[in-house]
Protein backbone atom coordinates (compact mmCIF):
# COMPACT_ATOMS: atom_id res chain seq x y z
CA MET A 1 3.59 22.28 -9.37
CA LYS A 2 3.53 19.39 -6.32
CA ARG A 3 6.35 17.69 -5.45
CA ALA A 4 5.51 13.84 -7.35
CA ASP A 5 5.07 15.76 -10.47
CA ARG A 6 8.17 17.36 -9.96
CA LEU A 7 9.94 13.88 -9.15
CA TYR A 8 8.40 12.51 -12.56
CA ARG A 9 9.73 15.88 -14.24
CA LEU A 10 13.41 15.59 -12.76
CA MET A 11 12.99 10.99 -13.70
CA GLU A 12 12.55 12.40 -17.33
CA VAL A 13 15.20 15.07 -17.77
CA LEU A 14 17.71 12.41 -16.17
CA LYS A 15 17.14 9.71 -18.33
CA ASP A 16 18.91 11.93 -20.77
CA GLY A 17 22.68 10.22 -19.53
CA SER A 18 23.59 13.84 -19.67
CA LEU A 19 24.55 15.33 -16.80
CA HIS A 20 22.82 18.33 -15.59
CA ARG A 21 24.02 20.99 -12.85
CA ALA A 22 21.70 21.25 -9.49
CA GLU A 23 21.28 25.06 -10.69
CA ASP A 24 19.93 24.33 -14.12
CA LEU A 25 17.43 21.95 -12.26
CA ALA A 26 16.43 24.27 -9.97
CA ARG A 27 15.83 27.16 -12.93
CA ASP A 28 13.74 24.89 -14.92
CA LEU A 29 11.55 23.44 -12.31
CA GLY A 30 11.17 27.18 -10.61
CA VAL A 31 12.13 25.88 -7.35
CA SER A 32 16.08 26.69 -4.77
CA VAL A 33 18.52 24.45 -5.38
CA ARG A 34 18.63 23.23 -2.42
CA THR A 35 15.29 21.46 -3.08
CA ILE A 36 16.34 19.84 -5.70
CA TYR A 37 18.92 18.71 -3.21
CA ARG A 38 16.18 17.51 -1.39
CA ASP A 39 14.59 15.54 -4.76
CA MET A 40 17.89 14.11 -5.78
CA ASP A 41 18.52 12.65 -2.09
CA THR A 42 14.92 11.45 -2.17
CA LEU A 43 14.87 9.74 -6.02
CA ILE A 44 18.32 8.05 -4.71
CA ASP A 45 17.04 6.80 -1.75
CA SER A 46 14.11 5.18 -3.67
CA GLY A 47 16.01 3.06 -5.90
CA VAL A 48 16.17 5.39 -9.53
CA PRO A 49 19.73 5.20 -10.47
CA VAL A 50 21.02 8.65 -10.44
CA MET A 51 25.22 9.40 -10.39
CA GLY A 52 26.56 12.55 -9.06
CA GLU A 53 26.73 14.91 -6.11
CA ARG A 54 26.27 18.15 -5.07
CA GLY A 55 28.59 20.78 -6.58
CA LEU A 56 29.04 18.72 -9.86
CA GLY A 57 25.41 17.80 -11.41
CA TYR A 58 23.37 14.45 -11.44
CA SER A 59 22.63 12.18 -14.35
CA ALA A 60 20.46 8.68 -14.53
CA LEU A 61 19.81 5.65 -16.53
CA ALA A 62 17.19 3.59 -16.28
CA ALA A 63 17.18 0.03 -17.41
CA ILE A 64 13.29 -0.02 -17.69
CA THR A 65 10.75 3.43 -17.48
CA LEU A 66 6.87 2.45 -17.18
CA PRO A 67 4.44 5.26 -18.49
CA PRO A 68 2.84 7.03 -15.76
CA ILE A 69 -0.59 5.08 -14.77
CA ASN A 70 -3.40 5.65 -12.32
CA LEU A 71 -4.28 3.84 -9.48
CA THR A 72 -7.72 3.18 -7.11
CA GLY A 73 -6.93 2.53 -3.86
CA ALA A 74 -7.79 -1.27 -3.49
CA GLU A 75 -5.42 -1.27 -6.75
CA LEU A 76 -2.32 0.52 -4.41
CA GLU A 77 -3.75 -1.94 -1.54
CA ALA A 78 -3.49 -5.21 -3.84
CA LEU A 79 0.22 -4.13 -4.83
CA HIS A 80 1.14 -2.88 -1.26
CA LEU A 81 0.04 -6.12 -0.64
CA GLY A 82 2.19 -8.21 -3.44
CA LEU A 83 5.12 -6.31 -2.68
CA ALA A 84 4.41 -6.97 1.14
CA VAL A 85 4.46 -10.69 0.41
CA VAL A 86 7.73 -10.60 -2.14
CA GLY A 87 9.77 -8.71 0.74
CA GLN A 88 9.42 -11.62 3.17
CA ALA A 89 11.01 -13.98 0.79
CA GLU A 90 14.31 -16.13 0.99
CA ASP A 91 16.04 -14.16 -1.91
CA PRO A 92 17.80 -11.61 -0.52
CA GLU A 93 17.77 -9.91 -4.22
CA MET A 94 13.80 -9.96 -4.89
CA ALA A 95 13.24 -8.79 -1.37
CA GLN A 96 15.14 -5.52 -1.72
CA ALA A 97 13.63 -5.84 -4.56
CA ALA A 98 10.75 -5.46 -3.36
CA ARG A 99 11.36 -3.01 -1.21
CA ALA A 100 13.37 -0.83 -3.46
CA LEU A 101 9.92 -0.65 -6.14
CA ALA A 102 7.85 -0.04 -2.25
CA ALA A 103 10.10 3.45 -2.13
CA LYS A 104 10.31 3.97 -5.83
CA ILE A 105 6.37 3.92 -5.08
CA ASP A 106 6.50 6.21 -1.68
CA ALA A 107 8.18 9.15 -3.68
CA LEU A 108 5.70 9.44 -6.44
CA LEU A 109 2.44 9.41 -4.41
CA PRO A 110 0.85 12.24 -3.90
CA GLU A 111 1.30 14.70 -1.06
CA ASP A 112 -2.11 15.56 0.67
CA GLN A 113 -4.38 14.33 3.28
CA ALA A 114 -6.23 11.65 0.62
CA ALA A 115 -3.31 9.93 0.12
CA PRO A 116 -1.27 7.76 2.14
CA SER A 117 1.83 9.20 4.01
CA GLN A 118 4.22 6.59 3.03
CA PHE A 119 3.83 2.81 0.92
CA GLY A 120 6.00 0.29 1.21
CA PHE A 121 6.27 -1.71 4.61
CA ALA A 122 5.05 -1.33 7.62
CA ALA A 123 7.12 1.35 10.22
CA TYR A 124 6.21 -1.61 13.12
CA PRO A 125 8.28 -4.90 12.80
CA PHE A 126 6.98 -6.59 9.30
CA GLU A 127 6.83 -10.13 9.98
CA GLN A 128 3.60 -9.10 12.34
CA ALA A 129 2.22 -7.29 9.97
CA ALA A 130 1.91 -10.35 7.71
CA ARG A 131 0.88 -12.33 10.27
CA GLY A 132 -2.52 -10.17 9.70
CA PHE A 133 -2.69 -10.87 6.49
CA ARG A 134 -5.00 -13.93 6.78
CA HIS A 135 -7.29 -11.92 8.65
CA MET A 136 -8.01 -9.50 6.17
CA PRO A 137 -10.67 -10.97 3.83
CA GLY A 138 -12.84 -12.07 6.82
CA PHE A 139 -13.13 -8.65 8.49
CA ARG A 140 -13.58 -6.86 5.09
CA ALA A 141 -16.62 -9.70 4.69
CA ALA A 142 -17.54 -8.41 7.91
CA VAL A 143 -17.63 -5.45 7.25
CA ARG A 144 -19.88 -5.69 4.03
CA ALA A 145 -22.66 -8.45 5.12
CA ARG A 146 -22.65 -5.88 8.49
CA GLN A 147 -22.13 -9.06 10.47
CA LYS A 148 -20.73 -8.98 13.99
CA LEU A 149 -17.37 -10.97 14.52
CA ARG A 150 -16.30 -12.16 17.87
CA ILE A 151 -11.76 -10.76 18.15
CA THR A 152 -8.80 -11.25 20.09
CA LEU A 153 -6.37 -9.13 20.24
CA ALA A 154 -2.59 -9.90 20.80
CA ASP A 155 -2.45 -8.06 24.40
CA GLY A 156 -6.09 -10.82 24.62
CA ALA A 157 -8.35 -8.37 25.35
CA THR A 158 -11.63 -10.51 23.32
CA HIS A 159 -14.56 -8.14 21.99
CA LEU A 160 -17.64 -8.65 20.11
CA LEU A 161 -17.16 -5.88 17.57
CA ARG A 162 -18.99 -4.21 15.16
CA PRO A 163 -17.00 -4.20 12.29
CA LEU A 164 -17.17 -0.61 10.39
CA GLU A 165 -13.79 -0.36 8.10
CA LEU A 166 -10.67 -1.95 7.42
CA ARG A 167 -8.75 0.94 5.61
CA TYR A 168 -4.76 1.14 4.05
CA TRP A 169 -3.97 4.20 5.34
CA GLY A 170 -0.05 4.78 4.86
CA ARG A 171 2.13 1.42 6.38
CA ILE A 172 -1.09 0.45 7.98
CA TRP A 173 -3.88 -1.68 7.60
CA ALA A 174 -6.30 -0.36 10.13
CA CYS A 175 -9.68 -1.68 10.86
CA THR A 176 -12.01 0.47 13.42
CA GLY A 177 -15.55 -1.31 14.92
CA TRP A 178 -17.85 -1.20 17.54
CA SER A 179 -16.78 -2.75 20.47
CA GLU A 180 -20.02 -3.87 22.61
CA THR A 181 -18.06 -5.84 25.27
CA THR A 182 -16.81 -1.67 25.73
CA GLY A 183 -19.09 -0.27 25.12
CA ASP A 184 -17.09 2.56 22.84
CA PHE A 185 -15.19 2.53 19.37
CA LEU A 186 -12.95 0.26 18.77
CA ALA A 187 -9.34 1.45 16.48
CA PHE A 188 -6.51 -1.05 15.94
CA ARG A 189 -4.12 -2.06 13.47
CA ILE A 190 -5.23 -5.68 12.04
CA ASP A 191 -2.11 -7.22 12.56
CA GLN A 192 -2.75 -6.75 15.61
CA ILE A 193 -6.12 -9.30 15.29
CA ASP A 194 -4.75 -12.71 17.22
CA ARG A 195 -7.92 -14.87 16.39
CA LEU A 196 -11.41 -13.80 14.61
CA ALA A 197 -14.60 -15.50 14.29
CA PRO A 198 -17.69 -14.45 12.40
CA VAL A 199 -20.76 -13.99 14.64
CA PRO A 200 -24.50 -15.48 13.59
CA GLY A 201 -26.42 -12.65 12.13
CA LEU A 202 -26.00 -9.54 11.50
CA PHE A 203 -25.87 -5.88 12.78
CA VAL A 204 -28.40 -2.72 12.01
CA GLU A 205 -26.37 0.80 12.15
CA GLU A 206 -27.69 2.53 14.74
CA PRO A 207 -26.87 6.37 15.52
CA GLY A 208 -23.95 6.83 18.47
CA LYS A 209 -22.01 3.85 16.88
CA ARG A 210 -21.54 4.05 12.91
CA LEU A 211 -18.77 4.85 10.69
CA GLN A 212 -19.21 8.77 10.42
CA ASP A 213 -19.85 9.00 13.90
CA PHE A 214 -16.26 7.63 14.77
CA ARG A 215 -15.21 9.80 12.53
CA ALA A 216 -17.19 12.96 13.83
CA GLN A 217 -15.59 12.36 17.18
CA GLN A 218 -12.16 11.64 15.98
CA ALA A 219 -12.85 15.35 14.28
CA GLY A 220 -13.90 17.04 17.04
């Protein structure tokens, strides 16, 4: 059983309000007691109202339980953006609620290489990530149109860039492009962009300068 499925099963079991021993949960799920302890710590850290402790038992009372839903990558990114905005709210209660919700989603994401390693808020200072949001529409549109961009990064470096990809990965929105300034691929976070401006004219894909070439280079 995948960890995400196990965590969901635990939540379903615990919400009946009864006290459940770790030994019984471990036997029912076919895992070790130590694994149950780790899972309970994860649920607690994610904001699930789990009560109890090791050696005694666990129970939980959830105010609202939503049915399982499937999210596309774009939907997950939109949810992440929304939580990021609320997480900056001046209302401490709403900001904390946004972070708790992000942590719950993080705990239930699938554990495979294709899935985000972590949801929630950026590992780097969140204020920096928020500043990058304004550049996402322009960068995304340029990727789709194959339009060159002139970007200036936070370190002052300026690049004439062929934008190839804007990708949500873990807690980070990552950008990839071919820099005509340096003659090499450039990978960076969206929040590292200080200024962005489209350059008239479109670019045509060329061998050695494509996204698949970058991925092959990274794999090698």
